[in-house]
């Protein structure tokens, strides 16, 4: 049921991964991509992600699932944890697409308040479809909530978006 076509999704990859991980489940990215297409008419799904050479098989899987990957060079914090802050890259790509009128509506996949200004602008231009939050309602940024944009919490869609764990000793 997607009356408008050519919708674009802008996905903060780290925010998505960490959000569902914190809730104790794993996202089936292939199923998620199909759901975005069927539910929201998403023709292009940008996934902003830090580039770590050891994760090449993951990147291949994500591309095969239908995501357009936008890589950010990573740095490492004091404990050796990789950091690939993609917020600015996501906003720049979204603004470029808005300026070039490349999409009908935008779907933002993040719980981060840093995207509140982008959401407000998309609302003003009647270009926002929805925010999909990987966090539960109490962990989604108040700045996003204050925009008045519709928000769907992915944890509420866990039954259809989670990797189905295979029962032991079954084929």
N, C-alpha and C. Protein backbone atom coordinates (compact mmCIF):
# COMPACT_ATOMS: atom_id res chain seq x y z
N UNK A 1 0.85 -1.18 0.00
CA UNK A 1 0.00 0.00 0.00
C UNK A 1 0.89 1.24 0.00
N UNK A 2 1.48 1.54 -1.15
CA UNK A 2 2.37 2.68 -1.25
C UNK A 2 1.96 3.56 -2.43
N UNK A 3 1.00 4.48 -2.18
CA UNK A 3 0.49 5.29 -3.27
C UNK A 3 1.56 6.15 -3.93
N UNK A 4 2.55 6.62 -3.17
CA UNK A 4 3.64 7.37 -3.78
C UNK A 4 4.81 6.44 -4.00
N UNK A 5 5.41 6.56 -5.14
CA UNK A 5 6.59 5.78 -5.47
C UNK A 5 7.81 6.69 -5.36
N UNK A 6 8.96 6.11 -5.62
CA UNK A 6 10.21 6.85 -5.61
C UNK A 6 10.49 7.55 -4.28
N UNK A 7 10.16 6.88 -3.19
CA UNK A 7 10.54 7.38 -1.88
C UNK A 7 11.96 6.91 -1.57
N UNK A 8 12.70 7.73 -0.82
CA UNK A 8 14.08 7.41 -0.45
C UNK A 8 14.15 7.24 1.06
N UNK A 9 14.93 6.24 1.49
CA UNK A 9 15.20 6.05 2.91
C UNK A 9 16.64 6.48 3.19
N UNK A 10 16.82 7.16 4.29
CA UNK A 10 18.14 7.60 4.75
C UNK A 10 18.36 6.92 6.10
N UNK A 11 19.29 5.97 6.13
CA UNK A 11 19.45 5.09 7.28
C UNK A 11 20.81 5.32 7.93
N UNK A 12 20.79 5.69 9.20
CA UNK A 12 22.00 5.78 10.00
C UNK A 12 22.34 4.35 10.42
N UNK A 13 23.29 3.73 9.73
CA UNK A 13 23.60 2.32 9.93
C UNK A 13 23.98 1.96 11.35
N UNK A 14 24.84 2.76 11.96
CA UNK A 14 25.27 2.47 13.33
C UNK A 14 24.10 2.62 14.30
N UNK A 15 23.29 3.64 14.10
CA UNK A 15 22.14 3.88 14.96
C UNK A 15 21.15 2.72 14.85
N UNK A 16 20.94 2.24 13.64
CA UNK A 16 20.04 1.11 13.42
C UNK A 16 20.59 -0.15 14.08
N UNK A 17 21.83 -0.48 13.80
CA UNK A 17 22.43 -1.70 14.34
C UNK A 17 22.45 -1.67 15.87
N UNK A 18 22.96 -0.59 16.44
CA UNK A 18 23.08 -0.50 17.89
C UNK A 18 21.70 -0.45 18.57
N UNK A 19 20.74 0.19 17.93
CA UNK A 19 19.40 0.29 18.51
C UNK A 19 18.74 -1.06 18.68
N UNK A 20 18.74 -1.87 17.62
CA UNK A 20 18.10 -3.18 17.74
C UNK A 20 18.93 -4.13 18.60
N UNK A 21 20.24 -3.99 18.54
CA UNK A 21 21.12 -4.83 19.39
C UNK A 21 20.82 -4.58 20.86
N UNK A 22 20.65 -3.31 21.21
CA UNK A 22 20.35 -2.94 22.59
C UNK A 22 19.02 -3.55 23.06
N UNK A 23 18.11 -3.77 22.11
CA UNK A 23 16.81 -4.35 22.43
C UNK A 23 16.83 -5.88 22.41
N UNK A 24 18.01 -6.45 22.09
CA UNK A 24 18.18 -7.89 22.19
C UNK A 24 17.75 -8.71 20.99
N UNK A 25 17.75 -8.10 19.80
CA UNK A 25 17.41 -8.86 18.61
C UNK A 25 18.30 -8.44 17.45
N UNK A 26 18.25 -9.24 16.39
CA UNK A 26 19.05 -8.96 15.19
C UNK A 26 18.12 -8.71 14.02
N UNK A 27 18.41 -7.65 13.30
CA UNK A 27 17.60 -7.25 12.15
C UNK A 27 17.95 -8.11 10.94
N UNK A 28 16.94 -8.59 10.26
CA UNK A 28 17.12 -9.26 8.98
C UNK A 28 17.10 -8.15 7.93
N UNK A 29 18.27 -7.76 7.45
CA UNK A 29 18.38 -6.62 6.55
C UNK A 29 17.68 -6.86 5.22
N UNK A 30 17.71 -8.08 4.74
CA UNK A 30 17.00 -8.38 3.49
C UNK A 30 15.50 -8.18 3.68
N UNK A 31 14.97 -8.72 4.74
CA UNK A 31 13.54 -8.57 5.03
C UNK A 31 13.20 -7.09 5.26
N UNK A 32 14.08 -6.37 5.94
CA UNK A 32 13.89 -4.95 6.21
C UNK A 32 13.80 -4.17 4.89
N UNK A 33 14.68 -4.50 3.95
CA UNK A 33 14.68 -3.79 2.66
C UNK A 33 13.37 -4.05 1.90
N UNK A 34 12.91 -5.30 1.90
CA UNK A 34 11.65 -5.64 1.24
C UNK A 34 10.50 -4.90 1.92
N UNK A 35 10.51 -4.86 3.24
CA UNK A 35 9.47 -4.17 4.00
C UNK A 35 9.45 -2.67 3.67
N UNK A 36 10.62 -2.06 3.58
CA UNK A 36 10.69 -0.64 3.21
C UNK A 36 10.05 -0.40 1.83
N UNK A 37 10.32 -1.29 0.91
CA UNK A 37 9.76 -1.17 -0.44
C UNK A 37 8.25 -1.35 -0.43
N UNK A 38 7.80 -2.42 0.23
CA UNK A 38 6.37 -2.73 0.20
C UNK A 38 5.53 -1.78 1.06
N UNK A 39 6.02 -1.44 2.22
CA UNK A 39 5.25 -0.61 3.16
C UNK A 39 5.33 0.88 2.83
N UNK A 40 6.52 1.35 2.43
CA UNK A 40 6.73 2.79 2.27
C UNK A 40 7.13 3.21 0.85
N UNK A 41 7.13 2.28 -0.10
CA UNK A 41 7.46 2.64 -1.47
C UNK A 41 8.88 3.11 -1.66
N UNK A 42 9.81 2.57 -0.88
CA UNK A 42 11.21 3.00 -0.93
C UNK A 42 11.90 2.39 -2.15
N UNK A 43 12.26 3.26 -3.07
CA UNK A 43 13.00 2.83 -4.26
C UNK A 43 14.50 2.81 -4.00
N UNK A 44 14.98 3.77 -3.24
CA UNK A 44 16.41 3.82 -2.91
C UNK A 44 16.55 3.90 -1.40
N UNK A 45 17.35 3.01 -0.85
CA UNK A 45 17.60 2.99 0.59
C UNK A 45 19.08 3.21 0.83
N UNK A 46 19.43 4.43 1.19
CA UNK A 46 20.82 4.75 1.51
C UNK A 46 21.13 4.25 2.91
N UNK A 47 22.22 3.52 3.04
CA UNK A 47 22.67 3.04 4.35
C UNK A 47 24.04 3.64 4.59
N UNK A 48 24.12 4.53 5.56
CA UNK A 48 25.36 5.23 5.89
C UNK A 48 26.08 4.41 6.96
N UNK A 49 27.33 4.06 6.66
CA UNK A 49 28.04 3.08 7.48
C UNK A 49 29.53 3.36 7.47
N UNK A 50 30.18 3.07 8.60
CA UNK A 50 31.63 3.21 8.69
C UNK A 50 32.31 2.13 7.87
N UNK A 51 33.42 2.48 7.23
CA UNK A 51 34.15 1.54 6.39
C UNK A 51 35.26 0.86 7.19
N UNK A 52 35.11 -0.44 7.37
CA UNK A 52 36.12 -1.26 8.06
C UNK A 52 36.44 -2.42 7.13
N UNK A 53 37.68 -2.50 6.63
CA UNK A 53 38.03 -3.50 5.62
C UNK A 53 37.64 -4.94 5.97
N UNK A 54 37.69 -5.33 7.22
CA UNK A 54 37.36 -6.70 7.62
C UNK A 54 35.88 -7.03 7.43
N UNK A 55 35.05 -6.03 7.20
CA UNK A 55 33.60 -6.24 7.08
C UNK A 55 33.12 -6.35 5.64
N UNK A 56 34.03 -6.62 4.71
CA UNK A 56 33.66 -6.71 3.30
C UNK A 56 32.49 -7.67 3.05
N UNK A 57 32.46 -8.86 3.66
CA UNK A 57 31.31 -9.74 3.43
C UNK A 57 29.97 -9.11 3.87
N UNK A 58 29.98 -8.36 4.95
CA UNK A 58 28.78 -7.66 5.39
C UNK A 58 28.33 -6.65 4.34
N UNK A 59 29.27 -5.89 3.82
CA UNK A 59 28.93 -4.87 2.82
C UNK A 59 28.35 -5.52 1.57
N UNK A 60 28.92 -6.64 1.17
CA UNK A 60 28.40 -7.37 0.01
C UNK A 60 26.97 -7.82 0.27
N UNK A 61 26.72 -8.40 1.45
CA UNK A 61 25.38 -8.84 1.83
C UNK A 61 24.38 -7.67 1.79
N UNK A 62 24.76 -6.54 2.35
CA UNK A 62 23.86 -5.39 2.39
C UNK A 62 23.55 -4.87 0.98
N UNK A 63 24.55 -4.86 0.13
CA UNK A 63 24.32 -4.42 -1.25
C UNK A 63 23.42 -5.41 -1.98
N UNK A 64 23.64 -6.70 -1.76
CA UNK A 64 22.79 -7.71 -2.39
C UNK A 64 21.35 -7.63 -1.88
N UNK A 65 21.18 -7.17 -0.64
CA UNK A 65 19.83 -7.00 -0.08
C UNK A 65 19.13 -5.78 -0.66
N UNK A 66 19.88 -4.92 -1.37
CA UNK A 66 19.26 -3.79 -2.05
C UNK A 66 19.56 -2.42 -1.47
N UNK A 67 20.52 -2.34 -0.57
CA UNK A 67 20.88 -1.04 0.01
C UNK A 67 21.97 -0.37 -0.83
N UNK A 68 21.90 0.95 -0.90
CA UNK A 68 22.97 1.76 -1.49
C UNK A 68 23.85 2.19 -0.33
N UNK A 69 25.06 1.66 -0.27
CA UNK A 69 25.95 1.95 0.86
C UNK A 69 26.72 3.24 0.61
N UNK A 70 26.73 4.07 1.63
CA UNK A 70 27.54 5.29 1.64
C UNK A 70 28.52 5.13 2.80
N UNK A 71 29.80 5.03 2.45
CA UNK A 71 30.81 4.73 3.46
C UNK A 71 31.41 6.00 4.05
N UNK A 72 31.74 5.89 5.32
CA UNK A 72 32.44 6.95 6.05
C UNK A 72 33.74 6.35 6.56
N UNK A 73 34.82 7.05 6.36
CA UNK A 73 36.09 6.58 6.90
C UNK A 73 35.99 6.54 8.42
N UNK A 74 36.50 5.48 9.00
CA UNK A 74 36.40 5.34 10.45
C UNK A 74 37.67 5.81 11.15
N UNK A 75 37.48 6.22 12.38
CA UNK A 75 38.58 6.50 13.28
C UNK A 75 38.35 5.59 14.49
N UNK A 76 39.26 5.60 15.43
CA UNK A 76 39.14 4.73 16.60
C UNK A 76 39.26 5.55 17.86
N UNK A 77 38.40 5.22 18.83
CA UNK A 77 38.46 5.93 20.11
C UNK A 77 39.59 5.36 20.95
N UNK A 78 39.75 5.87 22.16
CA UNK A 78 40.84 5.46 23.04
C UNK A 78 40.86 3.98 23.38
N UNK A 79 39.70 3.33 23.34
CA UNK A 79 39.64 1.90 23.67
C UNK A 79 39.74 1.02 22.43
N UNK A 80 39.95 1.64 21.26
CA UNK A 80 40.08 0.88 20.03
C UNK A 80 38.78 0.60 19.31
N UNK A 81 37.69 1.16 19.82
CA UNK A 81 36.38 0.97 19.18
C UNK A 81 36.28 1.88 17.96
N UNK A 82 35.86 1.32 16.81
CA UNK A 82 35.76 2.14 15.60
C UNK A 82 34.62 3.16 15.70
N UNK A 83 34.85 4.34 15.14
CA UNK A 83 33.85 5.41 15.11
C UNK A 83 33.72 5.85 13.66
N UNK A 84 32.51 5.80 13.13
CA UNK A 84 32.26 6.24 11.76
C UNK A 84 31.04 7.15 11.75
N UNK A 85 31.14 8.28 12.40
CA UNK A 85 30.00 9.18 12.55
C UNK A 85 29.51 9.65 11.18
N UNK A 86 28.33 9.19 10.79
CA UNK A 86 27.80 9.43 9.44
C UNK A 86 26.72 10.50 9.39
N UNK A 87 26.44 11.16 10.51
CA UNK A 87 25.33 12.10 10.57
C UNK A 87 25.41 13.17 9.48
N UNK A 88 26.56 13.82 9.37
CA UNK A 88 26.69 14.90 8.39
C UNK A 88 26.55 14.37 6.97
N UNK A 89 27.11 13.19 6.68
CA UNK A 89 27.01 12.61 5.35
C UNK A 89 25.56 12.32 4.99
N UNK A 90 24.80 11.80 5.95
CA UNK A 90 23.39 11.52 5.72
C UNK A 90 22.64 12.81 5.39
N UNK A 91 22.88 13.84 6.17
CA UNK A 91 22.18 15.12 5.96
C UNK A 91 22.57 15.73 4.61
N UNK A 92 23.84 15.67 4.26
CA UNK A 92 24.28 16.24 2.98
C UNK A 92 23.61 15.50 1.81
N UNK A 93 23.58 14.17 1.87
CA UNK A 93 22.95 13.40 0.79
C UNK A 93 21.45 13.71 0.70
N UNK A 94 20.80 13.78 1.85
CA UNK A 94 19.38 14.09 1.88
C UNK A 94 19.11 15.48 1.31
N UNK A 95 19.94 16.45 1.65
CA UNK A 95 19.76 17.81 1.14
C UNK A 95 20.03 17.87 -0.36
N UNK A 96 21.02 17.14 -0.83
CA UNK A 96 21.30 17.08 -2.27
C UNK A 96 20.09 16.51 -3.01
N UNK A 97 19.55 15.40 -2.49
CA UNK A 97 18.39 14.79 -3.14
C UNK A 97 17.17 15.70 -3.09
N UNK A 98 16.99 16.42 -1.99
CA UNK A 98 15.89 17.37 -1.89
C UNK A 98 16.05 18.49 -2.91
N UNK A 99 17.25 19.06 -2.97
CA UNK A 99 17.54 20.15 -3.90
C UNK A 99 17.32 19.72 -5.35
N UNK A 100 17.72 18.48 -5.67
CA UNK A 100 17.58 17.98 -7.04
C UNK A 100 16.21 17.35 -7.30
N UNK A 101 15.34 17.39 -6.28
CA UNK A 101 13.99 16.85 -6.38
C UNK A 101 14.00 15.38 -6.85
N UNK A 102 14.86 14.59 -6.21
CA UNK A 102 15.06 13.19 -6.62
C UNK A 102 14.05 12.21 -6.04
N UNK A 103 13.27 12.63 -5.05
CA UNK A 103 12.36 11.70 -4.40
C UNK A 103 11.02 12.37 -4.11
N UNK A 104 10.02 11.51 -3.86
CA UNK A 104 8.69 12.00 -3.48
C UNK A 104 8.66 12.31 -1.99
N UNK A 105 8.99 11.28 -1.18
CA UNK A 105 8.97 11.41 0.27
C UNK A 105 10.22 10.73 0.85
N UNK A 106 10.64 11.20 2.02
CA UNK A 106 11.81 10.66 2.69
C UNK A 106 11.39 9.88 3.93
N UNK A 107 12.12 8.82 4.17
CA UNK A 107 11.98 8.03 5.38
C UNK A 107 13.32 8.13 6.09
N UNK A 108 13.31 8.55 7.34
CA UNK A 108 14.54 8.66 8.13
C UNK A 108 14.57 7.51 9.10
N UNK A 109 15.66 6.74 9.11
CA UNK A 109 15.80 5.61 10.03
C UNK A 109 16.90 5.97 11.02
N UNK A 110 16.47 6.45 12.18
CA UNK A 110 17.39 6.87 13.23
C UNK A 110 16.58 7.28 14.46
N UNK A 111 17.26 7.33 15.59
CA UNK A 111 16.65 7.80 16.84
C UNK A 111 17.37 9.03 17.37
N UNK A 112 18.30 9.53 16.58
CA UNK A 112 19.24 10.56 16.98
C UNK A 112 18.66 11.96 16.76
N UNK A 113 18.70 12.77 17.80
CA UNK A 113 18.19 14.13 17.73
C UNK A 113 18.94 15.03 16.76
N UNK A 114 20.14 14.62 16.34
CA UNK A 114 20.89 15.41 15.37
C UNK A 114 20.15 15.56 14.06
N UNK A 115 19.17 14.70 13.80
CA UNK A 115 18.42 14.76 12.55
C UNK A 115 17.15 15.61 12.65
N UNK A 116 16.90 16.21 13.80
CA UNK A 116 15.67 16.99 14.01
C UNK A 116 15.54 18.14 13.01
N UNK A 117 16.62 18.84 12.73
CA UNK A 117 16.55 19.96 11.77
C UNK A 117 16.20 19.47 10.38
N UNK A 118 16.77 18.35 9.98
CA UNK A 118 16.44 17.76 8.68
C UNK A 118 14.97 17.35 8.63
N UNK A 119 14.50 16.73 9.69
CA UNK A 119 13.09 16.32 9.76
C UNK A 119 12.18 17.54 9.65
N UNK A 120 12.50 18.61 10.37
CA UNK A 120 11.69 19.83 10.32
C UNK A 120 11.64 20.39 8.90
N UNK A 121 12.78 20.43 8.23
CA UNK A 121 12.81 20.95 6.87
C UNK A 121 11.99 20.06 5.93
N UNK A 122 12.16 18.76 6.03
CA UNK A 122 11.37 17.84 5.20
C UNK A 122 9.87 18.02 5.45
N UNK A 123 9.50 18.24 6.70
CA UNK A 123 8.08 18.48 7.01
C UNK A 123 7.59 19.77 6.36
N UNK A 124 8.39 20.83 6.46
CA UNK A 124 8.02 22.12 5.86
C UNK A 124 7.80 22.00 4.36
N UNK A 125 8.62 21.17 3.72
CA UNK A 125 8.56 21.00 2.27
C UNK A 125 7.61 19.87 1.85
N UNK A 126 6.91 19.30 2.84
CA UNK A 126 6.00 18.17 2.59
C UNK A 126 6.73 17.02 1.92
N UNK A 127 7.94 16.74 2.40
CA UNK A 127 8.77 15.69 1.83
C UNK A 127 9.05 14.55 2.82
N UNK A 128 8.52 14.64 4.02
CA UNK A 128 8.76 13.59 5.01
C UNK A 128 7.61 12.60 5.02
N UNK A 129 7.93 11.33 4.94
CA UNK A 129 6.91 10.28 5.06
C UNK A 129 6.82 9.84 6.51
N UNK A 130 7.99 9.47 7.11
CA UNK A 130 7.97 8.93 8.47
C UNK A 130 9.39 8.81 9.01
N UNK A 131 9.49 8.74 10.32
CA UNK A 131 10.73 8.37 11.00
C UNK A 131 10.56 6.94 11.49
N UNK A 132 11.55 6.12 11.23
CA UNK A 132 11.57 4.76 11.77
C UNK A 132 12.67 4.73 12.82
N UNK A 133 12.26 4.57 14.07
CA UNK A 133 13.20 4.62 15.18
C UNK A 133 13.63 3.23 15.62
N UNK A 134 14.95 2.97 15.61
CA UNK A 134 15.43 1.68 16.10
C UNK A 134 15.40 1.56 17.63
N UNK A 135 15.11 2.64 18.30
CA UNK A 135 15.05 2.62 19.76
C UNK A 135 13.59 2.52 20.22
N UNK A 136 13.41 2.15 21.46
CA UNK A 136 12.07 2.20 22.04
C UNK A 136 11.71 3.66 22.27
N UNK A 137 10.44 3.91 22.49
CA UNK A 137 9.96 5.29 22.61
C UNK A 137 10.71 6.10 23.67
N UNK A 138 11.04 5.48 24.78
CA UNK A 138 11.71 6.21 25.86
C UNK A 138 13.16 6.53 25.53
N UNK A 139 13.74 5.88 24.50
CA UNK A 139 15.13 6.12 24.12
C UNK A 139 15.26 6.93 22.84
N UNK A 140 14.16 7.19 22.16
CA UNK A 140 14.18 8.01 20.95
C UNK A 140 14.32 9.47 21.39
N UNK A 141 15.14 10.22 20.68
CA UNK A 141 15.42 11.60 21.06
C UNK A 141 14.15 12.45 21.18
N UNK A 142 14.10 13.22 22.24
CA UNK A 142 13.00 14.15 22.45
C UNK A 142 12.97 15.19 21.33
N UNK A 143 14.15 15.50 20.75
CA UNK A 143 14.20 16.48 19.66
C UNK A 143 13.47 15.97 18.43
N UNK A 144 13.56 14.68 18.16
CA UNK A 144 12.79 14.11 17.05
C UNK A 144 11.30 14.11 17.37
N UNK A 145 10.95 13.76 18.59
CA UNK A 145 9.54 13.73 18.98
C UNK A 145 8.91 15.12 18.90
N UNK A 146 9.67 16.14 19.26
CA UNK A 146 9.14 17.51 19.25
C UNK A 146 8.86 18.03 17.84
N UNK A 147 9.40 17.37 16.81
CA UNK A 147 9.11 17.81 15.44
C UNK A 147 7.67 17.54 15.05
N UNK A 148 7.01 16.64 15.79
CA UNK A 148 5.63 16.28 15.46
C UNK A 148 5.53 15.33 14.28
N UNK A 149 6.67 14.84 13.82
CA UNK A 149 6.67 13.89 12.70
C UNK A 149 6.16 12.54 13.17
N UNK A 150 5.53 11.79 12.29
CA UNK A 150 5.11 10.43 12.67
C UNK A 150 6.35 9.56 12.89
N UNK A 151 6.30 8.77 13.95
CA UNK A 151 7.40 7.88 14.29
C UNK A 151 6.86 6.47 14.48
N UNK A 152 7.51 5.52 13.84
CA UNK A 152 7.23 4.10 14.05
C UNK A 152 8.46 3.51 14.73
N UNK A 153 8.23 2.76 15.78
CA UNK A 153 9.32 2.13 16.52
C UNK A 153 9.54 0.73 15.98
N UNK A 154 10.74 0.49 15.46
CA UNK A 154 11.02 -0.79 14.81
C UNK A 154 10.86 -1.98 15.74
N UNK A 155 11.03 -1.77 17.04
CA UNK A 155 10.84 -2.88 17.98
C UNK A 155 9.39 -3.40 17.91
N UNK A 156 8.45 -2.53 17.56
CA UNK A 156 7.06 -2.95 17.39
C UNK A 156 6.88 -3.83 16.15
N UNK A 157 7.86 -3.82 15.26
CA UNK A 157 7.83 -4.62 14.03
C UNK A 157 8.81 -5.79 14.12
N UNK A 158 9.28 -6.05 15.29
CA UNK A 158 10.28 -7.10 15.52
C UNK A 158 9.86 -8.45 14.96
N UNK A 159 8.60 -8.81 15.11
CA UNK A 159 8.11 -10.12 14.66
C UNK A 159 8.32 -10.33 13.16
N UNK A 160 8.26 -9.25 12.38
CA UNK A 160 8.44 -9.41 10.94
C UNK A 160 9.83 -9.03 10.46
N UNK A 161 10.60 -8.31 11.27
CA UNK A 161 11.91 -7.82 10.82
C UNK A 161 13.11 -8.52 11.43
N UNK A 162 12.89 -9.30 12.48
CA UNK A 162 14.01 -9.96 13.15
C UNK A 162 14.44 -11.21 12.39
N UNK A 163 15.72 -11.53 12.52
CA UNK A 163 16.23 -12.80 11.99
C UNK A 163 15.53 -13.91 12.74
N UNK A 164 14.98 -14.83 12.00
CA UNK A 164 14.30 -15.97 12.62
C UNK A 164 15.37 -16.98 13.02
N UNK A 165 15.50 -17.19 14.30
CA UNK A 165 16.46 -18.16 14.81
C UNK A 165 15.95 -19.57 14.56
N UNK A 166 16.78 -20.38 13.99
CA UNK A 166 16.42 -21.77 13.69
C UNK A 166 16.49 -22.60 14.97
N UNK A 167 15.48 -23.39 15.20
CA UNK A 167 15.45 -24.25 16.39
C UNK A 167 16.55 -25.31 16.28
N UNK A 168 17.16 -25.70 17.39
CA UNK A 168 18.21 -26.72 17.34
C UNK A 168 17.66 -28.03 16.76
N UNK A 169 18.52 -28.74 16.04
CA UNK A 169 18.20 -30.05 15.46
C UNK A 169 17.03 -30.03 14.49
N UNK A 170 16.86 -28.91 13.76
CA UNK A 170 15.83 -28.85 12.72
C UNK A 170 16.49 -28.51 11.40
N UNK A 171 15.83 -28.88 10.33
CA UNK A 171 16.35 -28.57 8.99
C UNK A 171 15.54 -27.47 8.35
